Amino acid sequence: VIFVDDLDFDIIPVAKHIRHHPVFPEGINVNFARVIDAKTVRVR
């Protein structure tokens, strides 16, 4: 999970980098999130 201020960018390159990082031996799904308020979050 990665929190960002703006979700309007190409998430694929950095997501692939983290997904295949050797620290995760089985790989990992990658979520980019922007908090709207205390009850709402937007996610890619």
PDB file of all heavy atoms in Angstrom:
ATOM      1  N   VAL A   1       0.852  -1.190   0.000  1.00  0.00           N
ATOM      2  CA  VAL A   1       0.000   0.000   0.000  1.00  0.00           C
ATOM      3  C   VAL A   1       0.887   1.240   0.000  1.00  0.00           C
ATOM      4  O   VAL A   1       1.812   1.357   0.817  1.00  0.00           O
ATOM      5  CB  VAL A   1      -0.937   0.015   1.223  1.00  0.00           C
ATOM      6  CG1 VAL A   1      -1.737   1.310   1.261  1.00  0.00           C
ATOM      7  CG2 VAL A   1      -1.867  -1.198   1.197  1.00  0.00           C
ATOM      8  N   ILE A   2       0.603   2.149  -0.922  1.00  0.00           N
ATOM      9  CA  ILE A   2       1.361   3.400  -1.051  1.00  0.00           C
ATOM     10  C   ILE A   2       0.374   4.553  -1.107  1.00  0.00           C
ATOM     11  O   ILE A   2      -0.526   4.561  -1.965  1.00  0.00           O
ATOM     12  CB  ILE A   2       2.210   3.391  -2.334  1.00  0.00           C
ATOM     13  CG1 ILE A   2       3.176   2.195  -2.336  1.00  0.00           C
ATOM     14  CG2 ILE A   2       2.973   4.701  -2.489  1.00  0.00           C
ATOM     15  CD1 ILE A   2       3.769   1.907  -3.692  1.00  0.00           C
ATOM     16  N   PHE A   3       0.507   5.531  -0.216  1.00  0.00           N
ATOM     17  CA  PHE A   3      -0.376   6.694  -0.226  1.00  0.00           C
ATOM     18  C   PHE A   3       0.270   7.814  -1.038  1.00  0.00           C
ATOM     19  O   PHE A   3       1.458   8.109  -0.883  1.00  0.00           O
ATOM     20  CB  PHE A   3      -0.671   7.157   1.195  1.00  0.00           C
ATOM     21  CG  PHE A   3      -1.507   6.180   1.966  1.00  0.00           C
ATOM     22  CD1 PHE A   3      -0.914   5.297   2.843  1.00  0.00           C
ATOM     23  CD2 PHE A   3      -2.880   6.119   1.777  1.00  0.00           C
ATOM     24  CE1 PHE A   3      -1.674   4.365   3.533  1.00  0.00           C
ATOM     25  CE2 PHE A   3      -3.650   5.201   2.464  1.00  0.00           C
ATOM     26  CZ  PHE A   3      -3.051   4.321   3.341  1.00  0.00           C
ATOM     27  N   VAL A   4      -0.524   8.407  -1.924  1.00  0.00           N
ATOM     28  CA  VAL A   4      -0.043   9.483  -2.792  1.00  0.00           C
ATOM     29  C   VAL A   4      -1.029  10.645  -2.737  1.00  0.00           C
ATOM     30  O   VAL A   4      -2.191  10.482  -2.356  1.00  0.00           O
ATOM     31  CB  VAL A   4       0.122   8.990  -4.253  1.00  0.00           C
ATOM     32  CG1 VAL A   4       1.218   7.942  -4.357  1.00  0.00           C
ATOM     33  CG2 VAL A   4      -1.201   8.437  -4.795  1.00  0.00           C
ATOM     34  N   ASP A   5      -0.545  11.813  -3.152  1.00  0.00           N
ATOM     35  CA  ASP A   5      -1.411  12.998  -3.174  1.00  0.00           C
ATOM     36  C   ASP A   5      -2.232  13.085  -4.449  1.00  0.00           C
ATOM     37  O   ASP A   5      -3.254  13.766  -4.491  1.00  0.00           O
ATOM     38  CB  ASP A   5      -0.564  14.269  -3.023  1.00  0.00           C
ATOM     39  CG  ASP A   5       0.126  14.355  -1.669  1.00  0.00           C
ATOM     40  OD1 ASP A   5      -0.466  13.876  -0.682  1.00  0.00           O
ATOM     41  OD2 ASP A   5       1.251  14.885  -1.608  1.00  0.00           O
ATOM     42  N   ASP A   6      -1.765  12.410  -5.503  1.00  0.00           N
ATOM     43  CA  ASP A   6      -2.424  12.481  -6.803  1.00  0.00           C
ATOM     44  C   ASP A   6      -2.327  11.124  -7.469  1.00  0.00           C
ATOM     45  O   ASP A   6      -1.239  10.554  -7.574  1.00  0.00           O
ATOM     46  CB  ASP A   6      -1.742  13.553  -7.663  1.00  0.00           C
ATOM     47  CG  ASP A   6      -2.435  13.776  -8.994  1.00  0.00           C
ATOM     48  OD1 ASP A   6      -3.474  13.121  -9.241  1.00  0.00           O
ATOM     49  OD2 ASP A   6      -1.937  14.582  -9.798  1.00  0.00           O
ATOM     50  N   LEU A   7      -3.459  10.583  -7.917  1.00  0.00           N
ATOM     51  CA  LEU A   7      -3.489   9.271  -8.575  1.00  0.00           C
ATOM     52  C   LEU A   7      -3.415   9.380 -10.091  1.00  0.00           C
ATOM     53  O   LEU A   7      -3.452   8.355 -10.779  1.00  0.00           O
ATOM     54  CB  LEU A   7      -4.772   8.523  -8.185  1.00  0.00           C
ATOM     55  CG  LEU A   7      -4.797   7.912  -6.791  1.00  0.00           C
ATOM     56  CD1 LEU A   7      -6.206   7.434  -6.449  1.00  0.00           C
ATOM     57  CD2 LEU A   7      -3.809   6.763  -6.684  1.00  0.00           C
ATOM     58  N   ASP A   8      -3.282  10.589 -10.587  1.00  0.00           N
ATOM     59  CA  ASP A   8      -3.277  10.789 -12.035  1.00  0.00           C
ATOM     60  C   ASP A   8      -1.851  10.657 -12.585  1.00  0.00           C
ATOM     61  O   ASP A   8      -1.204  11.638 -12.962  1.00  0.00           O
ATOM     62  CB  ASP A   8      -3.859  12.163 -12.378  1.00  0.00           C
ATOM     63  CG  ASP A   8      -4.050  12.343 -13.884  1.00  0.00           C
ATOM     64  OD1 ASP A   8      -4.094  11.332 -14.597  1.00  0.00           O
ATOM     65  OD2 ASP A   8      -4.161  13.506 -14.319  1.00  0.00           O
ATOM     66  N   PHE A   9      -1.344   9.419 -12.604  1.00  0.00           N
ATOM     67  CA  PHE A   9      -0.031   9.144 -13.177  1.00  0.00           C
ATOM     68  C   PHE A   9       0.008   7.681 -13.605  1.00  0.00           C
ATOM     69  O   PHE A   9      -0.872   6.889 -13.248  1.00  0.00           O
ATOM     70  CB  PHE A   9       1.095   9.457 -12.182  1.00  0.00           C
ATOM     71  CG  PHE A   9       1.186   8.504 -11.011  1.00  0.00           C
ATOM     72  CD1 PHE A   9       2.124   7.483 -10.999  1.00  0.00           C
ATOM     73  CD2 PHE A   9       0.341   8.649  -9.910  1.00  0.00           C
ATOM     74  CE1 PHE A   9       2.216   6.614  -9.910  1.00  0.00           C
ATOM     75  CE2 PHE A   9       0.414   7.787  -8.825  1.00  0.00           C
ATOM     76  CZ  PHE A   9       1.362   6.758  -8.833  1.00  0.00           C
ATOM     77  N   ASP A  10       1.004   7.320 -14.388  1.00  0.00           N
ATOM     78  CA  ASP A  10       1.145   5.954 -14.869  1.00  0.00           C
ATOM     79  C   ASP A  10       1.702   5.091 -13.745  1.00  0.00           C
ATOM     80  O   ASP A  10       2.902   5.156 -13.422  1.00  0.00           O
ATOM     81  CB  ASP A  10       2.079   5.923 -16.079  1.00  0.00           C
ATOM     82  CG  ASP A  10       2.210   4.530 -16.688  1.00  0.00           C
ATOM     83  OD1 ASP A  10       1.521   3.601 -16.210  1.00  0.00           O
ATOM     84  OD2 ASP A  10       3.000   4.376 -17.647  1.00  0.00           O
ATOM     85  N   ILE A  11       0.841   4.270 -13.140  1.00  0.00           N
ATOM     86  CA  ILE A  11       1.272   3.474 -11.994  1.00  0.00           C
ATOM     87  C   ILE A  11       2.046   2.218 -12.408  1.00  0.00           C
ATOM     88  O   ILE A  11       2.718   1.604 -11.574  1.00  0.00           O
ATOM     89  CB  ILE A  11       0.068   3.054 -11.119  1.00  0.00           C
ATOM     90  CG1 ILE A  11      -0.783   1.995 -11.834  1.00  0.00           C
ATOM     91  CG2 ILE A  11      -0.758   4.261 -10.696  1.00  0.00           C
ATOM     92  CD1 ILE A  11      -1.826   1.350 -10.943  1.00  0.00           C
ATOM     93  N   ILE A  12       1.967   1.808 -13.666  1.00  0.00           N
ATOM     94  CA  ILE A  12       2.493   0.511 -14.083  1.00  0.00           C
ATOM     95  C   ILE A  12       4.000   0.364 -13.851  1.00  0.00           C
ATOM     96  O   ILE A  12       4.434  -0.642 -13.258  1.00  0.00           O
ATOM     97  CB  ILE A  12       2.142   0.215 -15.554  1.00  0.00           C
ATOM     98  CG1 ILE A  12       0.626   0.298 -15.775  1.00  0.00           C
ATOM     99  CG2 ILE A  12       2.665  -1.162 -15.956  1.00  0.00           C
ATOM    100  CD1 ILE A  12      -0.186  -0.658 -14.951  1.00  0.00           C
ATOM    101  N   PRO A  13       4.856   1.306 -14.288  1.00  0.00           N
ATOM    102  CA  PRO A  13       6.299   1.085 -14.109  1.00  0.00           C
ATOM    103  C   PRO A  13       6.722   0.905 -12.656  1.00  0.00           C
ATOM    104  O   PRO A  13       7.459  -0.037 -12.333  1.00  0.00           O
ATOM    105  CB  PRO A  13       6.914   2.349 -14.728  1.00  0.00           C
ATOM    106  CG  PRO A  13       5.903   2.819 -15.714  1.00  0.00           C
ATOM    107  CD  PRO A  13       4.578   2.531 -15.073  1.00  0.00           C
ATOM    108  N   VAL A  14       6.289   1.784 -11.773  1.00  0.00           N
ATOM    109  CA  VAL A  14       6.698   1.658 -10.378  1.00  0.00           C
ATOM    110  C   VAL A  14       6.040   0.445  -9.734  1.00  0.00           C
ATOM    111  O   VAL A  14       6.652  -0.234  -8.889  1.00  0.00           O
ATOM    112  CB  VAL A  14       6.396   2.956  -9.588  1.00  0.00           C
ATOM    113  CG1 VAL A  14       4.911   3.256  -9.545  1.00  0.00           C
ATOM    114  CG2 VAL A  14       6.946   2.851  -8.173  1.00  0.00           C
ATOM    115  N   ALA A  15       4.788   0.140 -10.114  1.00  0.00           N
ATOM    116  CA  ALA A  15       4.122  -1.046  -9.572  1.00  0.00           C
ATOM    117  C   ALA A  15       4.884  -2.312  -9.942  1.00  0.00           C
ATOM    118  O   ALA A  15       5.070  -3.205  -9.102  1.00  0.00           O
ATOM    119  CB  ALA A  15       2.684  -1.120 -10.084  1.00  0.00           C
ATOM    120  N   LYS A  16       5.335  -2.415 -11.177  1.00  0.00           N
ATOM    121  CA  LYS A  16       6.111  -3.585 -11.605  1.00  0.00           C
ATOM    122  C   LYS A  16       7.416  -3.691 -10.814  1.00  0.00           C
ATOM    123  O   LYS A  16       7.843  -4.785 -10.420  1.00  0.00           O
ATOM    124  CB  LYS A  16       6.424  -3.496 -13.097  1.00  0.00           C
ATOM    125  CG  LYS A  16       5.262  -3.842 -14.004  1.00  0.00           C
ATOM    126  CD  LYS A  16       5.712  -3.839 -15.461  1.00  0.00           C
ATOM    127  CE  LYS A  16       4.584  -4.294 -16.385  1.00  0.00           C
ATOM    128  NZ  LYS A  16       5.017  -4.298 -17.812  1.00  0.00           N
ATOM    129  N   HIS A  17       8.057  -2.555 -10.573  1.00  0.00           N
ATOM    130  CA  HIS A  17       9.308  -2.540  -9.815  1.00  0.00           C
ATOM    131  C   HIS A  17       9.099  -3.116  -8.414  1.00  0.00           C
ATOM    132  O   HIS A  17       9.891  -3.953  -7.944  1.00  0.00           O
ATOM    133  CB  HIS A  17       9.833  -1.107  -9.737  1.00  0.00           C
ATOM    134  CG  HIS A  17      11.028  -0.940  -8.856  1.00  0.00           C
ATOM    135  ND1 HIS A  17      12.282  -1.416  -9.198  1.00  0.00           N
ATOM    136  CD2 HIS A  17      11.163  -0.348  -7.632  1.00  0.00           C
ATOM    137  CE1 HIS A  17      13.130  -1.134  -8.226  1.00  0.00           C
ATOM    138  NE2 HIS A  17      12.480  -0.479  -7.270  1.00  0.00           N
ATOM    139  N   ILE A  18       8.041  -2.679  -7.746  1.00  0.00           N
ATOM    140  CA  ILE A  18       7.771  -3.154  -6.385  1.00  0.00           C
ATOM    141  C   ILE A  18       7.255  -4.584  -6.411  1.00  0.00           C
ATOM    142  O   ILE A  18       7.644  -5.415  -5.583  1.00  0.00           O
ATOM    143  CB  ILE A  18       6.777  -2.210  -5.689  1.00  0.00           C
ATOM    144  CG1 ILE A  18       7.420  -0.818  -5.517  1.00  0.00           C
ATOM    145  CG2 ILE A  18       6.326  -2.769  -4.341  1.00  0.00           C
ATOM    146  CD1 ILE A  18       6.473   0.256  -5.059  1.00  0.00           C
ATOM    147  N   ARG A  19       6.385  -4.894  -7.363  1.00  0.00           N
ATOM    148  CA  ARG A  19       5.808  -6.239  -7.459  1.00  0.00           C
ATOM    149  C   ARG A  19       6.902  -7.305  -7.598  1.00  0.00           C
ATOM    150  O   ARG A  19       6.803  -8.403  -7.058  1.00  0.00           O
ATOM    151  CB  ARG A  19       4.856  -6.307  -8.669  1.00  0.00           C
ATOM    152  CG  ARG A  19       4.214  -7.683  -8.899  1.00  0.00           C
ATOM    153  CD  ARG A  19       4.921  -8.423 -10.013  1.00  0.00           C
ATOM    154  NE  ARG A  19       4.277  -9.655 -10.377  1.00  0.00           N
ATOM    155  CZ  ARG A  19       4.570 -10.854  -9.876  1.00  0.00           C
ATOM    156  NH1 ARG A  19       5.483 -10.973  -8.940  1.00  0.00           N
ATOM    157  NH2 ARG A  19       3.963 -11.932 -10.305  1.00  0.00           N
ATOM    158  N   HIS A  20       7.979  -6.995  -8.326  1.00  0.00           N
ATOM    159  CA  HIS A  20       9.059  -7.952  -8.574  1.00  0.00           C
ATOM    160  C   HIS A  20      10.275  -7.738  -7.673  1.00  0.00           C
ATOM    161  O   HIS A  20      11.301  -8.385  -7.868  1.00  0.00           O
ATOM    162  CB  HIS A  20       9.497  -7.874 -10.041  1.00  0.00           C
ATOM    163  CG  HIS A  20       8.476  -8.379 -11.011  1.00  0.00           C
ATOM    164  ND1 HIS A  20       8.174  -9.723 -11.137  1.00  0.00           N
ATOM    165  CD2 HIS A  20       7.676  -7.720 -11.885  1.00  0.00           C
ATOM    166  CE1 HIS A  20       7.238  -9.872 -12.078  1.00  0.00           C
ATOM    167  NE2 HIS A  20       6.914  -8.679 -12.532  1.00  0.00           N
ATOM    168  N   HIS A  21      10.175  -6.849  -6.698  1.00  0.00           N
ATOM    169  CA  HIS A  21      11.324  -6.566  -5.832  1.00  0.00           C
ATOM    170  C   HIS A  21      11.725  -7.836  -5.068  1.00  0.00           C
ATOM    171  O   HIS A  21      10.861  -8.570  -4.574  1.00  0.00           O
ATOM    172  CB  HIS A  21      10.989  -5.445  -4.855  1.00  0.00           C
ATOM    173  CG  HIS A  21      12.191  -4.833  -4.218  1.00  0.00           C
ATOM    174  ND1 HIS A  21      12.864  -5.435  -3.184  1.00  0.00           N
ATOM    175  CD2 HIS A  21      12.852  -3.674  -4.475  1.00  0.00           C
ATOM    176  CE1 HIS A  21      13.880  -4.676  -2.818  1.00  0.00           C
ATOM    177  NE2 HIS A  21      13.900  -3.594  -3.583  1.00  0.00           N
ATOM    178  N   PRO A  22      13.013  -8.114  -4.954  1.00  0.00           N
ATOM    179  CA  PRO A  22      13.453  -9.355  -4.288  1.00  0.00           C
ATOM    180  C   PRO A  22      13.060  -9.464  -2.820  1.00  0.00           C
ATOM    181  O   PRO A  22      13.102 -10.570  -2.265  1.00  0.00           O
ATOM    182  CB  PRO A  22      14.984  -9.323  -4.458  1.00  0.00           C
ATOM    183  CG  PRO A  22      15.329  -7.911  -4.815  1.00  0.00           C
ATOM    184  CD  PRO A  22      14.143  -7.369  -5.539  1.00  0.00           C
ATOM    185  N   VAL A  23      12.675  -8.362  -2.186  1.00  0.00           N
ATOM    186  CA  VAL A  23      12.246  -8.450  -0.792  1.00  0.00           C
ATOM    187  C   VAL A  23      10.948  -9.242  -0.662  1.00  0.00           C
ATOM    188  O   VAL A  23      10.618  -9.744   0.416  1.00  0.00           O
ATOM    189  CB  VAL A  23      12.101  -7.037  -0.172  1.00  0.00           C
ATOM    190  CG1 VAL A  23      10.849  -6.337  -0.668  1.00  0.00           C
ATOM    191  CG2 VAL A  23      12.104  -7.109   1.355  1.00  0.00           C
ATOM    192  N   PHE A  24      10.194  -9.376  -1.782  1.00  0.00           N
ATOM    193  CA  PHE A  24       8.938 -10.136  -1.782  1.00  0.00           C
ATOM    194  C   PHE A  24       9.138 -11.419  -2.590  1.00  0.00           C
ATOM    195  O   PHE A  24       8.990 -11.419  -3.816  1.00  0.00           O
ATOM    196  CB  PHE A  24       7.804  -9.303  -2.380  1.00  0.00           C
ATOM    197  CG  PHE A  24       7.574  -7.991  -1.677  1.00  0.00           C
ATOM    198  CD1 PHE A  24       7.802  -6.781  -2.331  1.00  0.00           C
ATOM    199  CD2 PHE A  24       7.155  -7.957  -0.356  1.00  0.00           C
ATOM    200  CE1 PHE A  24       7.602  -5.574  -1.691  1.00  0.00           C
ATOM    201  CE2 PHE A  24       6.959  -6.747   0.304  1.00  0.00           C
ATOM    202  CZ  PHE A  24       7.184  -5.552  -0.368  1.00  0.00           C
ATOM    203  N   PRO A  25       9.476 -12.525  -1.954  1.00  0.00           N
ATOM    204  CA  PRO A  25       9.834 -13.754  -2.679  1.00  0.00           C
ATOM    205  C   PRO A  25       8.696 -14.346  -3.506  1.00  0.00           C
ATOM    206  O   PRO A  25       8.953 -15.059  -4.479  1.00  0.00           O
ATOM    207  CB  PRO A  25      10.259 -14.715  -1.569  1.00  0.00           C
ATOM    208  CG  PRO A  25       9.632 -14.174  -0.322  1.00  0.00           C
ATOM    209  CD  PRO A  25       9.602 -12.697  -0.503  1.00  0.00           C
ATOM    210  N   GLU A  26       7.447 -14.059  -3.159  1.00  0.00           N
ATOM    211  CA  GLU A  26       6.305 -14.570  -3.931  1.00  0.00           C
ATOM    212  C   GLU A  26       5.638 -13.462  -4.737  1.00  0.00           C
ATOM    213  O   GLU A  26       4.546 -13.645  -5.273  1.00  0.00           O
ATOM    214  CB  GLU A  26       5.291 -15.228  -2.994  1.00  0.00           C
ATOM    215  CG  GLU A  26       5.837 -16.465  -2.284  1.00  0.00           C
ATOM    216  CD  GLU A  26       4.817 -17.122  -1.367  1.00  0.00           C
ATOM    217  OE1 GLU A  26       3.636 -16.715  -1.398  1.00  0.00           O
ATOM    218  OE2 GLU A  26       5.205 -18.037  -0.614  1.00  0.00           O
ATOM    219  N   GLY A  27       6.301 -12.303  -4.835  1.00  0.00           N
ATOM    220  CA  GLY A  27       5.688 -11.162  -5.513  1.00  0.00           C
ATOM    221  C   GLY A  27       4.648 -10.514  -4.621  1.00  0.00           C
ATOM    222  O   GLY A  27       4.347 -10.991  -3.519  1.00  0.00           O
ATOM    223  N   ILE A  28       4.069  -9.415  -5.107  1.00  0.00           N
ATOM    224  CA  ILE A  28       3.093  -8.692  -4.290  1.00  0.00           C
ATOM    225  C   ILE A  28       2.206  -7.833  -5.185  1.00  0.00           C
ATOM    226  O   ILE A  28       2.635  -7.379  -6.248  1.00  0.00           O
ATOM    227  CB  ILE A  28       3.817  -7.813  -3.243  1.00  0.00           C
ATOM    228  CG1 ILE A  28       2.875  -7.421  -2.096  1.00  0.00           C
ATOM    229  CG2 ILE A  28       4.478  -6.596  -3.880  1.00  0.00           C
ATOM    230  CD1 ILE A  28       3.605  -6.978  -0.841  1.00  0.00           C
ATOM    231  N   ASN A  29       0.946  -7.672  -4.785  1.00  0.00           N
ATOM    232  CA  ASN A  29       0.053  -6.725  -5.449  1.00  0.00           C
ATOM    233  C   ASN A  29       0.383  -5.325  -4.940  1.00  0.00           C
ATOM    234  O   ASN A  29       0.782  -5.154  -3.785  1.00  0.00           O
ATOM    235  CB  ASN A  29      -1.409  -7.059  -5.140  1.00  0.00           C
ATOM    236  CG  ASN A  29      -1.797  -8.439  -5.610  1.00  0.00           C
ATOM    237  OD1 ASN A  29      -2.060  -8.662  -6.778  1.00  0.00           O
ATOM    238  ND2 ASN A  29      -1.828  -9.400  -4.694  1.00  0.00           N
ATOM    239  N   VAL A  30       0.186  -4.317  -5.799  1.00  0.00           N
ATOM    240  CA  VAL A  30       0.592  -2.960  -5.432  1.00  0.00           C
ATOM    241  C   VAL A  30      -0.594  -2.004  -5.557  1.00  0.00           C
ATOM    242  O   VAL A  30      -1.205  -1.897  -6.629  1.00  0.00           O
ATOM    243  CB  VAL A  30       1.758  -2.474  -6.313  1.00  0.00           C
ATOM    244  CG1 VAL A  30       2.235  -1.105  -5.844  1.00  0.00           C
ATOM    245  CG2 VAL A  30       2.912  -3.477  -6.274  1.00  0.00           C
ATOM    246  N   ASN A  31      -0.911  -1.328  -4.440  1.00  0.00           N
ATOM    247  CA  ASN A  31      -2.042  -0.398  -4.381  1.00  0.00           C
ATOM    248  C   ASN A  31      -1.557   1.027  -4.156  1.00  0.00           C
ATOM    249  O   ASN A  31      -0.763   1.287  -3.247  1.00  0.00           O
ATOM    250  CB  ASN A  31      -2.970  -0.763  -3.219  1.00  0.00           C
ATOM    251  CG  ASN A  31      -3.427  -2.205  -3.270  1.00  0.00           C
ATOM    252  OD1 ASN A  31      -4.449  -2.514  -3.856  1.00  0.00           O
ATOM    253  ND2 ASN A  31      -2.667  -3.104  -2.636  1.00  0.00           N
ATOM    254  N   PHE A  32      -2.048   1.943  -4.970  1.00  0.00           N
ATOM    255  CA  PHE A  32      -1.801   3.369  -4.779  1.00  0.00           C
ATOM    256  C   PHE A  32      -3.104   3.988  -4.290  1.00  0.00           C
ATOM    257  O   PHE A  32      -4.160   3.809  -4.910  1.00  0.00           O
ATOM    258  CB  PHE A  32      -1.348   4.016  -6.078  1.00  0.00           C
ATOM    259  CG  PHE A  32      -0.032   3.482  -6.577  1.00  0.00           C
ATOM    260  CD1 PHE A  32       0.001   2.373  -7.403  1.00  0.00           C
ATOM    261  CD2 PHE A  32       1.168   4.069  -6.197  1.00  0.00           C
ATOM    262  CE1 PHE A  32       1.208   1.865  -7.857  1.00  0.00           C
ATOM    263  CE2 PHE A  32       2.374   3.561  -6.638  1.00  0.00           C
ATOM    264  CZ  PHE A  32       2.404   2.455  -7.474  1.00  0.00           C
ATOM    265  N   ALA A  33      -3.044   4.712  -3.180  1.00  0.00           N
ATOM    266  CA  ALA A  33      -4.266   5.211  -2.542  1.00  0.00           C
ATOM    267  C   ALA A  33      -4.160   6.701  -2.245  1.00  0.00           C
ATOM    268  O   ALA A  33      -3.089   7.209  -1.882  1.00  0.00           O
ATOM    269  CB  ALA A  33      -4.528   4.449  -1.249  1.00  0.00           C
ATOM    270  N   ARG A  34      -5.288   7.373  -2.387  1.00  0.00           N
ATOM    271  CA  ARG A  34      -5.397   8.791  -2.015  1.00  0.00           C
ATOM    272  C   ARG A  34      -6.549   8.931  -1.030  1.00  0.00           C
ATOM    273  O   ARG A  34      -7.693   8.560  -1.328  1.00  0.00           O
ATOM    274  CB  ARG A  34      -5.646   9.653  -3.249  1.00  0.00           C
ATOM    275  CG  ARG A  34      -5.838  11.128  -2.929  1.00  0.00           C
ATOM    276  CD  ARG A  34      -5.926  11.979  -4.184  1.00  0.00           C
ATOM    277  NE  ARG A  34      -6.233  13.375  -3.878  1.00  0.00           N
ATOM    278  CZ  ARG A  34      -7.458  13.895  -3.937  1.00  0.00           C
ATOM    279  NH1 ARG A  34      -8.479  13.154  -4.326  1.00  0.00           N
ATOM    280  NH2 ARG A  34      -7.654  15.154  -3.630  1.00  0.00           N
ATOM    281  N   VAL A  35      -6.258   9.442   0.141  1.00  0.00           N
ATOM    282  CA  VAL A  35      -7.278   9.640   1.173  1.00  0.00           C
ATOM    283  C   VAL A  35      -8.076  10.897   0.841  1.00  0.00           C
ATOM    284  O   VAL A  35      -7.509  11.992   0.711  1.00  0.00           O
ATOM    285  CB  VAL A  35      -6.645   9.755   2.568  1.00  0.00           C
ATOM    286  CG1 VAL A  35      -7.716  10.053   3.613  1.00  0.00           C
ATOM    287  CG2 VAL A  35      -5.894   8.476   2.922  1.00  0.00           C
ATOM    288  N   ILE A  36      -9.383  10.734   0.685  1.00  0.00           N
ATOM    289  CA  ILE A  36     -10.270  11.864   0.410  1.00  0.00           C
ATOM    290  C   ILE A  36     -10.678  12.541   1.718  1.00  0.00           C
ATOM    291  O   ILE A  36     -10.602  13.759   1.868  1.00  0.00           O
ATOM    292  CB  ILE A  36     -11.523  11.420  -0.369  1.00  0.00           C
ATOM    293  CG1 ILE A  36     -11.127  10.637  -1.627  1.00  0.00           C
ATOM    294  CG2 ILE A  36     -12.402  12.626  -0.708  1.00  0.00           C
ATOM    295  CD1 ILE A  36     -10.269  11.405  -2.596  1.00  0.00           C
ATOM    296  N   ASP A  37     -11.146  11.742   2.649  1.00  0.00           N
ATOM    297  CA  ASP A  37     -11.476  12.220   3.992  1.00  0.00           C
ATOM    298  C   ASP A  37     -11.439  11.013   4.918  1.00  0.00           C
ATOM    299  O   ASP A  37     -11.023   9.930   4.518  1.00  0.00           O
ATOM    300  CB  ASP A  37     -12.838  12.932   4.027  1.00  0.00           C
ATOM    301  CG  ASP A  37     -13.973  12.089   3.469  1.00  0.00           C
ATOM    302  OD1 ASP A  37     -14.017  10.872   3.767  1.00  0.00           O
ATOM    303  OD2 ASP A  37     -14.819  12.628   2.720  1.00  0.00           O
ATOM    304  N   ALA A  38     -11.884  11.192   6.165  1.00  0.00           N
ATOM    305  CA  ALA A  38     -11.779  10.128   7.162  1.00  0.00           C
ATOM    306  C   ALA A  38     -12.642   8.912   6.844  1.00  0.00           C
ATOM    307  O   ALA A  38     -12.472   7.848   7.453  1.00  0.00           O
ATOM    308  CB  ALA A  38     -12.147  10.667   8.541  1.00  0.00           C
ATOM    309  N   LYS A  39     -13.557   9.049   5.871  1.00  0.00           N
ATOM    310  CA  LYS A  39     -14.450   7.941   5.542  1.00  0.00           C
ATOM    311  C   LYS A  39     -14.332   7.470   4.095  1.00  0.00           C
ATOM    312  O   LYS A  39     -15.063   6.562   3.686  1.00  0.00           O
ATOM    313  CB  LYS A  39     -15.904   8.347   5.815  1.00  0.00           C
ATOM    314  CG  LYS A  39     -16.203   8.621   7.286  1.00  0.00           C
ATOM    315  CD  LYS A  39     -17.673   8.952   7.480  1.00  0.00           C
ATOM    316  CE  LYS A  39     -17.994   9.183   8.956  1.00  0.00           C
ATOM    317  NZ  LYS A  39     -19.438   9.498   9.166  1.00  0.00           N
ATOM    318  N   THR A  40     -13.414   8.057   3.338  1.00  0.00           N
ATOM    319  CA  THR A  40     -13.355   7.752   1.912  1.00  0.00           C
ATOM    320  C   THR A  40     -11.914   7.716   1.412  1.00  0.00           C
ATOM    321  O   THR A  40     -11.123   8.624   1.697  1.00  0.00           O
ATOM    322  CB  THR A  40     -14.120   8.806   1.087  1.00  0.00           C
ATOM    323  OG1 THR A  40     -15.389   9.057   1.691  1.00  0.00           O
ATOM    324  CG2 THR A  40     -14.316   8.334  -0.337  1.00  0.00           C
ATOM    325  N   VAL A  41     -11.603   6.661   0.652  1.00  0.00           N
ATOM    326  CA  VAL A  41     -10.282   6.517   0.048  1.00  0.00           C
ATOM    327  C   VAL A  41     -10.463   6.093  -1.405  1.00  0.00           C
ATOM    328  O   VAL A  41     -11.323   5.258  -1.717  1.00  0.00           O
ATOM    329  CB  VAL A  41      -9.431   5.450   0.780  1.00  0.00           C
ATOM    330  CG1 VAL A  41      -8.053   5.327   0.146  1.00  0.00           C
ATOM    331  CG2 VAL A  41      -9.297   5.788   2.253  1.00  0.00           C
ATOM    332  N   ARG A  42      -9.657   6.654  -2.290  1.00  0.00           N
ATOM    333  CA  ARG A  42      -9.669   6.248  -3.694  1.00  0.00           C
ATOM    334  C   ARG A  42      -8.421   5.398  -3.962  1.00  0.00           C
ATOM    335  O   ARG A  42      -7.333   5.727  -3.489  1.00  0.00           O
ATOM    336  CB  ARG A  42      -9.697   7.471  -4.609  1.00  0.00           C
ATOM    337  CG  ARG A  42      -9.954   7.133  -6.076  1.00  0.00           C
ATOM    338  CD  ARG A  42     -10.151   8.392  -6.912  1.00  0.00           C
ATOM    339  NE  ARG A  42     -11.314   9.152  -6.500  1.00  0.00           N
ATOM    340  CZ  ARG A  42     -12.554   8.871  -6.884  1.00  0.00           C
ATOM    341  NH1 ARG A  42     -12.794   7.838  -7.684  1.00  0.00           N
ATOM    342  NH2 ARG A  42     -13.563   9.615  -6.473  1.00  0.00           N
ATOM    343  N   VAL A  43      -8.590   4.321  -4.749  1.00  0.00           N
ATOM    344  CA  VAL A  43      -7.517   3.331  -4.911  1.00  0.00           C
ATOM    345  C   VAL A  43      -7.356   2.911  -6.367  1.00  0.00           C
ATOM    346  O   VAL A  43      -8.348   2.769  -7.096  1.00  0.00           O
ATOM    347  CB  VAL A  43      -7.817   2.072  -4.050  1.00  0.00           C
ATOM    348  CG1 VAL A  43      -6.729   1.019  -4.245  1.00  0.00           C
ATOM    349  CG2 VAL A  43      -7.927   2.429  -2.586  1.00  0.00           C
ATOM    350  N   ARG A  44      -6.101   2.693  -6.757  1.00  0.00           N
ATOM    351  CA  ARG A  44      -5.773   2.021  -8.021  1.00  0.00           C
ATOM    352  C   ARG A  44      -4.860   0.843  -7.686  1.00  0.00           C
ATOM    353  O   ARG A  44      -3.934   0.989  -6.878  1.00  0.00           O
ATOM    354  CB  ARG A  44      -5.086   2.972  -8.996  1.00  0.00           C
ATOM    355  CG  ARG A  44      -5.983   4.098  -9.485  1.00  0.00           C
ATOM    356  CD  ARG A  44      -5.208   5.071 -10.377  1.00  0.00           C
ATOM    357  NE  ARG A  44      -4.756   4.414 -11.602  1.00  0.00           N
ATOM    358  CZ  ARG A  44      -3.958   5.018 -12.498  1.00  0.00           C
ATOM    359  NH1 ARG A  44      -3.529   6.259 -12.291  1.00  0.00           N
ATOM    360  NH2 ARG A  44      -3.584   4.364 -13.592  1.00  0.00           N
TER     361      ARG A  44
END
